Amino acid sequence: MKSEIDYVHFIQLTLSGNKEAYSELYDKTIQEVYKTAHFLIDDKTDVDDVVQEIYIQLYESLHKYDTEKPFRPWLIGLAIKQIHSYRRKRWMRLRIIKKAEEQRKPVQIDFSNDVLSKISNQKLIELIHKLPYKLKQVIILRYLHDYSQEEVAQILHIPIGTVKSRIHSALKKLRQKEQVEEIFLGEVGNVK
């Protein structure tokens, strides 16, 4: 795990106007934020825009960060909020497009899927993408980013029991579709 002290130092420097410190904070966090956005956003062409919005929100919200709490879960919480906002806007846009289709020619939308190089099992990726959004969130945070259940609860602002229930439901759905016990390194049978 990365040291929280480093984050606090870069945050303090950024708040005092040091742009290089913000750049360093960005470099230290971009992979995790990008992975989260990539997994939770269906249209991969929008991932870069959403990640940019996340970092704008981060810059504007740094003064609200409580240095007594871990930074990474707080940042991923901001990311999740921006992704929810994107999904709401996208849903509204798709509704408008659907209405336009009913009145005119169909609108072509490209929903291409990128392959994640860090995850070797394409079938598992496909199964995770088919999960309902709320289940997909907890699986990505718990297993891709290796957050504890308590951290997942904090990031999503939900009770720990809800996290456990969603993980259980998600793993049950994955098991029903394919036997993926080996993928999660033995954690499937006994959710921690």
N, C-alpha and C. Protein backbone atom coordinates (compact mmCIF):
# COMPACT_ATOMS: atom_id res chain seq x y z
N MET A 1 0.84 -1.19 0.00
CA MET A 1 0.00 0.00 0.00
C MET A 1 0.88 1.24 0.00
N LYS A 2 0.41 2.28 -0.63
CA LYS A 2 1.15 3.53 -0.69
C LYS A 2 0.99 4.27 0.63
N SER A 3 2.00 5.03 0.97
CA SER A 3 1.99 5.75 2.24
C SER A 3 1.07 6.96 2.17
N GLU A 4 0.20 7.08 3.16
CA GLU A 4 -0.70 8.22 3.23
C GLU A 4 0.06 9.51 3.51
N ILE A 5 1.21 9.41 4.17
CA ILE A 5 2.02 10.59 4.49
C ILE A 5 2.45 11.29 3.22
N ASP A 6 2.86 10.53 2.20
CA ASP A 6 3.24 11.13 0.92
C ASP A 6 2.08 11.92 0.32
N TYR A 7 0.89 11.35 0.37
CA TYR A 7 -0.27 12.04 -0.19
C TYR A 7 -0.53 13.35 0.55
N VAL A 8 -0.50 13.32 1.85
CA VAL A 8 -0.76 14.53 2.64
C VAL A 8 0.26 15.60 2.30
N HIS A 9 1.50 15.20 2.16
CA HIS A 9 2.56 16.16 1.82
C HIS A 9 2.26 16.82 0.47
N PHE A 10 1.92 16.02 -0.54
CA PHE A 10 1.63 16.57 -1.87
C PHE A 10 0.35 17.41 -1.85
N ILE A 11 -0.61 17.02 -1.05
CA ILE A 11 -1.84 17.80 -0.94
C ILE A 11 -1.54 19.17 -0.33
N GLN A 12 -0.76 19.19 0.73
CA GLN A 12 -0.42 20.46 1.38
C GLN A 12 0.35 21.37 0.43
N LEU A 13 1.30 20.81 -0.31
CA LEU A 13 2.05 21.61 -1.28
C LEU A 13 1.13 22.15 -2.39
N THR A 14 0.21 21.29 -2.85
CA THR A 14 -0.74 21.71 -3.89
C THR A 14 -1.61 22.85 -3.39
N LEU A 15 -2.10 22.73 -2.18
CA LEU A 15 -2.96 23.77 -1.61
C LEU A 15 -2.21 25.08 -1.41
N SER A 16 -0.90 25.00 -1.29
CA SER A 16 -0.11 26.23 -1.16
C SER A 16 0.29 26.79 -2.52
N GLY A 17 -0.19 26.17 -3.60
CA GLY A 17 0.03 26.71 -4.94
C GLY A 17 1.10 26.00 -5.75
N ASN A 18 1.67 24.94 -5.27
CA ASN A 18 2.73 24.22 -5.98
C ASN A 18 2.10 23.29 -7.02
N LYS A 19 2.23 23.68 -8.30
CA LYS A 19 1.63 22.90 -9.39
C LYS A 19 2.36 21.58 -9.63
N GLU A 20 3.66 21.56 -9.35
CA GLU A 20 4.42 20.33 -9.52
C GLU A 20 3.96 19.26 -8.52
N ALA A 21 3.56 19.68 -7.34
CA ALA A 21 3.07 18.73 -6.34
C ALA A 21 1.77 18.10 -6.81
N TYR A 22 0.90 18.90 -7.44
CA TYR A 22 -0.36 18.34 -7.95
C TYR A 22 -0.06 17.35 -9.08
N SER A 23 0.93 17.68 -9.90
CA SER A 23 1.33 16.78 -10.98
C SER A 23 1.84 15.46 -10.40
N GLU A 24 2.60 15.54 -9.32
CA GLU A 24 3.10 14.33 -8.65
C GLU A 24 1.95 13.52 -8.05
N LEU A 25 0.98 14.20 -7.45
CA LEU A 25 -0.21 13.54 -6.89
C LEU A 25 -0.97 12.82 -8.01
N TYR A 26 -1.11 13.49 -9.14
CA TYR A 26 -1.75 12.90 -10.31
C TYR A 26 -1.01 11.63 -10.73
N ASP A 27 0.31 11.73 -10.86
CA ASP A 27 1.11 10.58 -11.30
C ASP A 27 0.97 9.39 -10.34
N LYS A 28 0.85 9.67 -9.05
CA LYS A 28 0.77 8.60 -8.05
C LYS A 28 -0.61 7.94 -8.02
N THR A 29 -1.64 8.59 -8.57
CA THR A 29 -3.00 8.08 -8.45
C THR A 29 -3.68 7.73 -9.77
N ILE A 30 -3.13 8.14 -10.89
CA ILE A 30 -3.84 8.01 -12.16
C ILE A 30 -4.15 6.56 -12.53
N GLN A 31 -3.26 5.63 -12.26
CA GLN A 31 -3.53 4.24 -12.67
C GLN A 31 -4.78 3.70 -11.98
N GLU A 32 -4.89 3.92 -10.68
CA GLU A 32 -6.04 3.39 -9.94
C GLU A 32 -7.33 4.07 -10.39
N VAL A 33 -7.29 5.38 -10.57
CA VAL A 33 -8.48 6.11 -11.01
C VAL A 33 -8.88 5.66 -12.41
N TYR A 34 -7.90 5.52 -13.28
CA TYR A 34 -8.19 5.13 -14.66
C TYR A 34 -8.78 3.72 -14.73
N LYS A 35 -8.21 2.79 -13.96
CA LYS A 35 -8.75 1.42 -13.94
C LYS A 35 -10.20 1.42 -13.47
N THR A 36 -10.48 2.18 -12.44
CA THR A 36 -11.84 2.24 -11.91
C THR A 36 -12.80 2.76 -12.97
N ALA A 37 -12.44 3.86 -13.60
CA ALA A 37 -13.29 4.45 -14.64
C ALA A 37 -13.43 3.48 -15.82
N HIS A 38 -12.35 2.86 -16.21
CA HIS A 38 -12.39 1.95 -17.35
C HIS A 38 -13.35 0.80 -17.12
N PHE A 39 -13.36 0.27 -15.90
CA PHE A 39 -14.25 -0.85 -15.61
C PHE A 39 -15.70 -0.43 -15.46
N LEU A 40 -15.95 0.78 -14.97
CA LEU A 40 -17.33 1.17 -14.67
C LEU A 40 -18.01 1.97 -15.77
N ILE A 41 -17.27 2.31 -16.81
CA ILE A 41 -17.85 3.07 -17.92
C ILE A 41 -17.90 2.16 -19.14
N ASP A 42 -19.10 1.97 -19.66
CA ASP A 42 -19.29 1.06 -20.79
C ASP A 42 -18.67 1.58 -22.08
N ASP A 43 -18.85 2.87 -22.36
CA ASP A 43 -18.34 3.45 -23.60
C ASP A 43 -16.90 3.90 -23.35
N LYS A 44 -15.94 3.09 -23.80
CA LYS A 44 -14.52 3.34 -23.51
C LYS A 44 -14.02 4.64 -24.11
N THR A 45 -14.72 5.19 -25.09
CA THR A 45 -14.29 6.46 -25.68
C THR A 45 -14.51 7.62 -24.72
N ASP A 46 -15.32 7.42 -23.69
CA ASP A 46 -15.59 8.49 -22.72
C ASP A 46 -14.70 8.41 -21.48
N VAL A 47 -13.92 7.37 -21.35
CA VAL A 47 -13.13 7.17 -20.12
C VAL A 47 -12.18 8.34 -19.88
N ASP A 48 -11.44 8.77 -20.90
CA ASP A 48 -10.48 9.86 -20.71
C ASP A 48 -11.17 11.15 -20.25
N ASP A 49 -12.34 11.44 -20.83
CA ASP A 49 -13.06 12.65 -20.43
C ASP A 49 -13.51 12.57 -18.97
N VAL A 50 -14.00 11.42 -18.56
CA VAL A 50 -14.46 11.26 -17.18
C VAL A 50 -13.28 11.35 -16.22
N VAL A 51 -12.16 10.73 -16.57
CA VAL A 51 -10.97 10.82 -15.72
C VAL A 51 -10.52 12.27 -15.59
N GLN A 52 -10.57 13.02 -16.67
CA GLN A 52 -10.22 14.45 -16.60
C GLN A 52 -11.16 15.18 -15.64
N GLU A 53 -12.45 14.90 -15.72
CA GLU A 53 -13.42 15.52 -14.80
C GLU A 53 -13.13 15.13 -13.35
N ILE A 54 -12.70 13.89 -13.13
CA ILE A 54 -12.37 13.44 -11.78
C ILE A 54 -11.23 14.28 -11.22
N TYR A 55 -10.21 14.53 -12.03
CA TYR A 55 -9.06 15.29 -11.54
C TYR A 55 -9.36 16.78 -11.40
N ILE A 56 -10.28 17.29 -12.18
CA ILE A 56 -10.74 18.67 -11.97
C ILE A 56 -11.47 18.75 -10.63
N GLN A 57 -12.35 17.77 -10.39
CA GLN A 57 -13.09 17.72 -9.12
C GLN A 57 -12.12 17.55 -7.95
N LEU A 58 -11.10 16.72 -8.12
CA LEU A 58 -10.10 16.53 -7.07
C LEU A 58 -9.43 17.85 -6.74
N TYR A 59 -9.00 18.57 -7.74
CA TYR A 59 -8.30 19.84 -7.52
C TYR A 59 -9.21 20.84 -6.78
N GLU A 60 -10.47 20.87 -7.18
CA GLU A 60 -11.41 21.79 -6.56
C GLU A 60 -11.81 21.36 -5.15
N SER A 61 -11.64 20.09 -4.82
CA SER A 61 -12.10 19.56 -3.53
C SER A 61 -10.97 19.28 -2.54
N LEU A 62 -9.74 19.47 -2.94
CA LEU A 62 -8.62 19.12 -2.06
C LEU A 62 -8.72 19.81 -0.69
N HIS A 63 -9.22 21.03 -0.67
CA HIS A 63 -9.32 21.74 0.61
C HIS A 63 -10.32 21.08 1.57
N LYS A 64 -11.19 20.22 1.05
CA LYS A 64 -12.17 19.54 1.88
C LYS A 64 -11.64 18.21 2.45
N TYR A 65 -10.51 17.77 1.96
CA TYR A 65 -9.96 16.48 2.38
C TYR A 65 -9.54 16.53 3.85
N ASP A 66 -9.97 15.54 4.62
CA ASP A 66 -9.61 15.39 6.03
C ASP A 66 -8.34 14.55 6.10
N THR A 67 -7.21 15.17 6.46
CA THR A 67 -5.92 14.49 6.46
C THR A 67 -5.84 13.38 7.50
N GLU A 68 -6.83 13.27 8.37
CA GLU A 68 -6.86 12.19 9.36
C GLU A 68 -7.39 10.89 8.76
N LYS A 69 -7.96 10.98 7.58
CA LYS A 69 -8.53 9.80 6.92
C LYS A 69 -7.66 9.40 5.74
N PRO A 70 -7.72 8.13 5.33
CA PRO A 70 -6.91 7.69 4.18
C PRO A 70 -7.31 8.41 2.90
N PHE A 71 -6.31 8.80 2.11
CA PHE A 71 -6.55 9.58 0.90
C PHE A 71 -7.12 8.75 -0.24
N ARG A 72 -6.54 7.58 -0.50
CA ARG A 72 -6.97 6.80 -1.66
C ARG A 72 -8.47 6.48 -1.66
N PRO A 73 -9.03 6.00 -0.55
CA PRO A 73 -10.48 5.76 -0.56
C PRO A 73 -11.28 7.05 -0.80
N TRP A 74 -10.79 8.16 -0.26
CA TRP A 74 -11.47 9.44 -0.48
C TRP A 74 -11.45 9.81 -1.97
N LEU A 75 -10.29 9.64 -2.61
CA LEU A 75 -10.17 9.94 -4.04
C LEU A 75 -11.07 9.02 -4.87
N ILE A 76 -11.08 7.73 -4.57
CA ILE A 76 -11.92 6.81 -5.33
C ILE A 76 -13.40 7.13 -5.10
N GLY A 77 -13.73 7.60 -3.91
CA GLY A 77 -15.10 8.06 -3.66
C GLY A 77 -15.47 9.20 -4.58
N LEU A 78 -14.55 10.16 -4.75
CA LEU A 78 -14.78 11.25 -5.72
C LEU A 78 -14.95 10.69 -7.13
N ALA A 79 -14.11 9.73 -7.47
CA ALA A 79 -14.19 9.14 -8.81
C ALA A 79 -15.54 8.47 -9.03
N ILE A 80 -15.99 7.72 -8.03
CA ILE A 80 -17.28 7.02 -8.14
C ILE A 80 -18.41 8.04 -8.34
N LYS A 81 -18.36 9.15 -7.61
CA LYS A 81 -19.39 10.19 -7.76
C LYS A 81 -19.38 10.76 -9.18
N GLN A 82 -18.19 11.01 -9.73
CA GLN A 82 -18.10 11.54 -11.09
C GLN A 82 -18.61 10.51 -12.10
N ILE A 83 -18.32 9.24 -11.86
CA ILE A 83 -18.79 8.19 -12.77
C ILE A 83 -20.31 8.09 -12.70
N HIS A 84 -20.87 8.20 -11.51
CA HIS A 84 -22.34 8.22 -11.38
C HIS A 84 -22.93 9.39 -12.17
N SER A 85 -22.32 10.55 -12.04
CA SER A 85 -22.78 11.73 -12.77
C SER A 85 -22.71 11.49 -14.28
N TYR A 86 -21.60 10.92 -14.74
CA TYR A 86 -21.46 10.60 -16.15
C TYR A 86 -22.56 9.64 -16.61
N ARG A 87 -22.80 8.60 -15.79
CA ARG A 87 -23.81 7.60 -16.16
C ARG A 87 -25.20 8.22 -16.25
N ARG A 88 -25.52 9.13 -15.33
CA ARG A 88 -26.82 9.82 -15.39
C ARG A 88 -26.93 10.65 -16.67
N LYS A 89 -25.87 11.41 -16.98
CA LYS A 89 -25.88 12.23 -18.19
C LYS A 89 -25.98 11.35 -19.44
N ARG A 90 -25.24 10.25 -19.42
CA ARG A 90 -25.25 9.34 -20.56
C ARG A 90 -26.63 8.72 -20.75
N TRP A 91 -27.26 8.34 -19.65
CA TRP A 91 -28.59 7.76 -19.71
C TRP A 91 -29.57 8.77 -20.32
N MET A 92 -29.48 10.01 -19.88
CA MET A 92 -30.37 11.05 -20.44
C MET A 92 -30.08 11.24 -21.94
N ARG A 93 -28.81 11.25 -22.30
CA ARG A 93 -28.43 11.41 -23.70
C ARG A 93 -28.95 10.24 -24.53
N LEU A 94 -28.86 9.03 -24.00
CA LEU A 94 -29.35 7.86 -24.73
C LEU A 94 -30.87 7.89 -24.88
N ARG A 95 -31.56 8.41 -23.87
CA ARG A 95 -33.02 8.55 -23.98
C ARG A 95 -33.38 9.51 -25.10
N ILE A 96 -32.65 10.61 -25.19
CA ILE A 96 -32.90 11.58 -26.25
C ILE A 96 -32.61 10.96 -27.62
N ILE A 97 -31.51 10.23 -27.71
CA ILE A 97 -31.15 9.57 -28.96
C ILE A 97 -32.23 8.55 -29.34
N LYS A 98 -32.71 7.80 -28.37
CA LYS A 98 -33.75 6.81 -28.65
C LYS A 98 -35.02 7.47 -29.18
N LYS A 99 -35.39 8.60 -28.59
CA LYS A 99 -36.56 9.33 -29.09
C LYS A 99 -36.33 9.82 -30.51
N ALA A 100 -35.10 10.28 -30.78
CA ALA A 100 -34.77 10.75 -32.13
C ALA A 100 -34.82 9.59 -33.12
N GLU A 101 -34.37 8.41 -32.69
CA GLU A 101 -34.41 7.24 -33.56
C GLU A 101 -35.83 6.87 -33.95
N GLU A 102 -36.74 7.02 -33.00
CA GLU A 102 -38.12 6.69 -33.28
C GLU A 102 -38.71 7.62 -34.33
N GLN A 103 -38.18 8.84 -34.40
CA GLN A 103 -38.72 9.81 -35.35
C GLN A 103 -37.92 9.88 -36.65
N ARG A 104 -36.66 9.48 -36.60
CA ARG A 104 -35.79 9.57 -37.78
C ARG A 104 -35.03 8.28 -37.98
N LYS A 105 -33.97 8.38 -38.79
CA LYS A 105 -33.10 7.24 -39.01
C LYS A 105 -32.41 6.85 -37.71
N PRO A 106 -32.07 5.58 -37.59
CA PRO A 106 -31.35 5.14 -36.38
C PRO A 106 -29.98 5.82 -36.25
N VAL A 107 -29.62 6.16 -35.03
CA VAL A 107 -28.32 6.74 -34.73
C VAL A 107 -27.37 5.60 -34.38
N GLN A 108 -26.21 5.57 -35.01
CA GLN A 108 -25.22 4.53 -34.75
C GLN A 108 -24.33 4.96 -33.58
N ILE A 109 -24.23 4.10 -32.57
CA ILE A 109 -23.37 4.36 -31.42
C ILE A 109 -22.38 3.21 -31.31
N ASP A 110 -21.12 3.54 -31.16
CA ASP A 110 -20.08 2.53 -31.05
C ASP A 110 -19.84 2.20 -29.58
N PHE A 111 -20.11 0.95 -29.19
CA PHE A 111 -19.87 0.50 -27.81
C PHE A 111 -18.71 -0.49 -27.80
N SER A 112 -17.58 -0.10 -28.35
CA SER A 112 -16.45 -1.02 -28.40
C SER A 112 -15.87 -1.25 -27.01
N ASN A 113 -15.36 -2.46 -26.79
CA ASN A 113 -14.75 -2.81 -25.51
C ASN A 113 -13.25 -2.97 -25.69
N ASP A 114 -12.47 -2.29 -24.85
CA ASP A 114 -11.02 -2.45 -24.84
C ASP A 114 -10.67 -3.66 -24.00
N VAL A 115 -9.54 -4.26 -24.30
CA VAL A 115 -9.07 -5.40 -23.53
C VAL A 115 -8.11 -4.88 -22.47
N LEU A 116 -8.29 -5.29 -21.23
CA LEU A 116 -7.39 -4.88 -20.15
C LEU A 116 -6.20 -5.82 -20.14
N SER A 117 -5.03 -5.25 -20.29
CA SER A 117 -3.83 -6.10 -20.36
C SER A 117 -3.48 -6.72 -19.03
N LYS A 118 -3.86 -6.10 -17.91
CA LYS A 118 -3.49 -6.62 -16.59
C LYS A 118 -4.33 -7.82 -16.17
N ILE A 119 -5.47 -8.04 -16.77
CA ILE A 119 -6.31 -9.18 -16.39
C ILE A 119 -6.27 -10.18 -17.52
N SER A 120 -5.83 -11.38 -17.21
CA SER A 120 -5.55 -12.35 -18.27
C SER A 120 -6.78 -13.12 -18.72
N ASN A 121 -7.82 -13.18 -17.95
CA ASN A 121 -8.95 -14.03 -18.31
C ASN A 121 -10.07 -13.19 -18.94
N GLN A 122 -10.13 -13.21 -20.26
CA GLN A 122 -11.13 -12.42 -20.99
C GLN A 122 -12.55 -12.84 -20.64
N LYS A 123 -12.75 -14.11 -20.39
CA LYS A 123 -14.10 -14.60 -20.04
C LYS A 123 -14.57 -13.97 -18.74
N LEU A 124 -13.68 -13.87 -17.74
CA LEU A 124 -14.03 -13.25 -16.47
C LEU A 124 -14.38 -11.78 -16.67
N ILE A 125 -13.61 -11.09 -17.49
CA ILE A 125 -13.90 -9.69 -17.76
C ILE A 125 -15.30 -9.55 -18.35
N GLU A 126 -15.63 -10.43 -19.29
CA GLU A 126 -16.96 -10.39 -19.90
C GLU A 126 -18.05 -10.63 -18.87
N LEU A 127 -17.81 -11.59 -17.99
CA LEU A 127 -18.80 -11.88 -16.95
C LEU A 127 -18.96 -10.70 -15.99
N ILE A 128 -17.86 -10.08 -15.61
CA ILE A 128 -17.93 -8.92 -14.70
C ILE A 128 -18.68 -7.78 -15.37
N HIS A 129 -18.42 -7.56 -16.65
CA HIS A 129 -19.12 -6.49 -17.37
C HIS A 129 -20.62 -6.73 -17.45
N LYS A 130 -21.05 -7.97 -17.37
CA LYS A 130 -22.47 -8.30 -17.44
C LYS A 130 -23.18 -8.15 -16.10
N LEU A 131 -22.41 -7.98 -15.04
CA LEU A 131 -23.02 -7.81 -13.71
C LEU A 131 -23.76 -6.49 -13.63
N PRO A 132 -24.80 -6.40 -12.81
CA PRO A 132 -25.44 -5.11 -12.57
C PRO A 132 -24.41 -4.12 -12.01
N TYR A 133 -24.60 -2.86 -12.28
CA TYR A 133 -23.62 -1.82 -11.94
C TYR A 133 -23.20 -1.85 -10.47
N LYS A 134 -24.14 -1.96 -9.56
CA LYS A 134 -23.81 -1.92 -8.13
C LYS A 134 -22.96 -3.12 -7.72
N LEU A 135 -23.19 -4.27 -8.33
CA LEU A 135 -22.38 -5.45 -8.03
C LEU A 135 -20.99 -5.32 -8.66
N LYS A 136 -20.97 -4.77 -9.88
CA LYS A 136 -19.71 -4.57 -10.58
C LYS A 136 -18.79 -3.63 -9.77
N GLN A 137 -19.38 -2.59 -9.19
CA GLN A 137 -18.60 -1.63 -8.38
C GLN A 137 -17.84 -2.32 -7.27
N VAL A 138 -18.54 -3.12 -6.47
CA VAL A 138 -17.88 -3.73 -5.31
C VAL A 138 -16.84 -4.76 -5.74
N ILE A 139 -17.09 -5.48 -6.81
CA ILE A 139 -16.12 -6.47 -7.30
C ILE A 139 -14.85 -5.77 -7.76
N ILE A 140 -15.00 -4.68 -8.49
CA ILE A 140 -13.83 -3.96 -8.99
C ILE A 140 -13.04 -3.36 -7.83
N LEU A 141 -13.73 -2.72 -6.91
CA LEU A 141 -13.02 -2.12 -5.78
C LEU A 141 -12.37 -3.17 -4.90
N ARG A 142 -13.06 -4.27 -4.65
CA ARG A 142 -12.55 -5.29 -3.74
C ARG A 142 -11.43 -6.11 -4.36
N TYR A 143 -11.62 -6.58 -5.60
CA TYR A 143 -10.67 -7.52 -6.18
C TYR A 143 -9.67 -6.89 -7.15
N LEU A 144 -10.06 -5.88 -7.91
CA LEU A 144 -9.12 -5.24 -8.83
C LEU A 144 -8.21 -4.29 -8.06
N HIS A 145 -8.80 -3.50 -7.16
CA HIS A 145 -8.01 -2.52 -6.41
C HIS A 145 -7.60 -3.02 -5.03
N ASP A 146 -8.09 -4.17 -4.64
CA ASP A 146 -7.71 -4.81 -3.39
C ASP A 146 -8.03 -3.97 -2.15
N TYR A 147 -9.17 -3.27 -2.18
CA TYR A 147 -9.63 -2.55 -1.00
C TYR A 147 -10.30 -3.53 -0.05
N SER A 148 -10.21 -3.24 1.24
CA SER A 148 -10.92 -4.05 2.22
C SER A 148 -12.41 -3.76 2.09
N GLN A 149 -13.23 -4.61 2.68
CA GLN A 149 -14.67 -4.36 2.62
C GLN A 149 -15.02 -3.06 3.33
N GLU A 150 -14.32 -2.74 4.40
CA GLU A 150 -14.57 -1.50 5.12
C GLU A 150 -14.26 -0.29 4.23
N GLU A 151 -13.15 -0.36 3.47
CA GLU A 151 -12.80 0.73 2.57
C GLU A 151 -13.81 0.86 1.44
N VAL A 152 -14.28 -0.26 0.93
CA VAL A 152 -15.31 -0.24 -0.13
C VAL A 152 -16.57 0.45 0.41
N ALA A 153 -16.96 0.11 1.63
CA ALA A 153 -18.14 0.74 2.25
C ALA A 153 -17.94 2.24 2.37
N GLN A 154 -16.75 2.64 2.77
CA GLN A 154 -16.44 4.07 2.93
C GLN A 154 -16.48 4.79 1.57
N ILE A 155 -15.89 4.18 0.56
CA ILE A 155 -15.84 4.78 -0.78
C ILE A 155 -17.25 4.96 -1.34
N LEU A 156 -18.08 3.94 -1.19
CA LEU A 156 -19.43 3.98 -1.79
C LEU A 156 -20.49 4.58 -0.87
N HIS A 157 -20.09 4.92 0.37
CA HIS A 157 -21.02 5.49 1.35
C HIS A 157 -22.21 4.57 1.59
N ILE A 158 -21.89 3.29 1.81
CA ILE A 158 -22.92 2.30 2.11
C ILE A 158 -22.47 1.48 3.33
N PRO A 159 -23.40 0.84 4.01
CA PRO A 159 -23.02 0.02 5.17
C PRO A 159 -22.17 -1.18 4.76
N ILE A 160 -21.33 -1.64 5.69
CA ILE A 160 -20.46 -2.79 5.44
C ILE A 160 -21.28 -4.03 5.10
N GLY A 161 -22.45 -4.17 5.72
CA GLY A 161 -23.32 -5.31 5.42
C GLY A 161 -23.79 -5.31 3.98
N THR A 162 -24.03 -4.13 3.44
CA THR A 162 -24.43 -4.02 2.03
C THR A 162 -23.27 -4.43 1.13
N VAL A 163 -22.06 -4.04 1.49
CA VAL A 163 -20.88 -4.44 0.72
C VAL A 163 -20.77 -5.96 0.70
N LYS A 164 -20.87 -6.57 1.88
CA LYS A 164 -20.77 -8.03 1.97
C LYS A 164 -21.86 -8.71 1.14
N SER A 165 -23.05 -8.18 1.23
CA SER A 165 -24.18 -8.75 0.49
C SER A 165 -23.95 -8.63 -1.01
N ARG A 166 -23.47 -7.47 -1.46
CA ARG A 166 -23.23 -7.28 -2.89
C ARG A 166 -22.11 -8.16 -3.40
N ILE A 167 -21.04 -8.30 -2.60
CA ILE A 167 -19.95 -9.19 -3.01
C ILE A 167 -20.47 -10.61 -3.11
N HIS A 168 -21.22 -11.04 -2.11
CA HIS A 168 -21.79 -12.40 -2.13
C HIS A 168 -22.68 -12.59 -3.36
N SER A 169 -23.55 -11.63 -3.62
CA SER A 169 -24.45 -11.74 -4.78
C SER A 169 -23.68 -11.77 -6.09
N ALA A 170 -22.66 -10.90 -6.20
CA ALA A 170 -21.88 -10.84 -7.43
C ALA A 170 -21.13 -12.16 -7.67
N LEU A 171 -20.50 -12.66 -6.62
CA LEU A 171 -19.77 -13.91 -6.77
C LEU A 171 -20.70 -15.08 -7.07
N LYS A 172 -21.88 -15.05 -6.48
CA LYS A 172 -22.87 -16.10 -6.76
C LYS A 172 -23.28 -16.05 -8.24
N LYS A 173 -23.51 -14.84 -8.76
CA LYS A 173 -23.88 -14.70 -10.17
C LYS A 173 -22.74 -15.16 -11.07
N LEU A 174 -21.52 -14.82 -10.70
CA LEU A 174 -20.37 -15.25 -11.50
C LEU A 174 -20.23 -16.77 -11.48
N ARG A 175 -20.44 -17.38 -10.30
CA ARG A 175 -20.35 -18.82 -10.19
C ARG A 175 -21.42 -19.50 -11.04
N GLN A 176 -22.61 -18.90 -11.09
CA GLN A 176 -23.69 -19.49 -11.87
C GLN A 176 -23.34 -19.48 -13.35
N LYS A 177 -22.63 -18.47 -13.80
CA LYS A 177 -22.31 -18.38 -15.22
C LYS A 177 -21.08 -19.20 -15.57
N GLU A 178 -20.09 -19.18 -14.72
CA GLU A 178 -18.84 -19.92 -14.94
C GLU A 178 -18.21 -20.24 -13.58
N GLN A 179 -17.44 -21.27 -13.53
CA GLN A 179 -16.72 -21.59 -12.29
C GLN A 179 -15.44 -20.75 -12.28
N VAL A 180 -15.39 -19.70 -11.44
CA VAL A 180 -14.27 -18.77 -11.43
C VAL A 180 -13.54 -18.74 -10.09
N GLU A 181 -13.66 -19.80 -9.31
CA GLU A 181 -13.04 -19.79 -7.98
C GLU A 181 -11.55 -19.51 -8.04
N GLU A 182 -10.84 -20.06 -9.02
CA GLU A 182 -9.40 -19.90 -9.08
C GLU A 182 -8.99 -18.46 -9.39
N ILE A 183 -9.83 -17.74 -10.07
CA ILE A 183 -9.51 -16.36 -10.46
C ILE A 183 -9.32 -15.48 -9.23
N PHE A 184 -10.15 -15.66 -8.22
CA PHE A 184 -10.10 -14.80 -7.05
C PHE A 184 -9.21 -15.37 -5.95
N LEU A 185 -8.31 -16.25 -6.32
CA LEU A 185 -7.29 -16.76 -5.40
C LEU A 185 -7.85 -17.30 -4.10
N GLY A 186 -8.91 -18.06 -4.20
CA GLY A 186 -9.45 -18.72 -3.02
C GLY A 186 -10.40 -17.88 -2.20
N GLU A 187 -10.59 -16.61 -2.52
CA GLU A 187 -11.46 -15.75 -1.72
C GLU A 187 -12.94 -15.92 -2.07
N VAL A 188 -13.22 -16.63 -3.18
CA VAL A 188 -14.61 -16.78 -3.59
C VAL A 188 -15.42 -17.54 -2.56
N GLY A 189 -14.88 -18.63 -2.06
CA GLY A 189 -15.62 -19.47 -1.12
C GLY A 189 -15.85 -18.82 0.22
N ASN A 190 -14.90 -18.04 0.69
CA ASN A 190 -15.05 -17.39 1.99
C ASN A 190 -14.80 -15.90 1.87
N VAL A 191 -15.82 -15.17 1.55
CA VAL A 191 -15.74 -13.72 1.36
C VAL A 191 -15.23 -13.10 2.65
N LYS A 192 -14.15 -12.33 2.51
CA LYS A 192 -13.54 -11.70 3.69
C LYS A 192 -13.98 -10.28 3.83
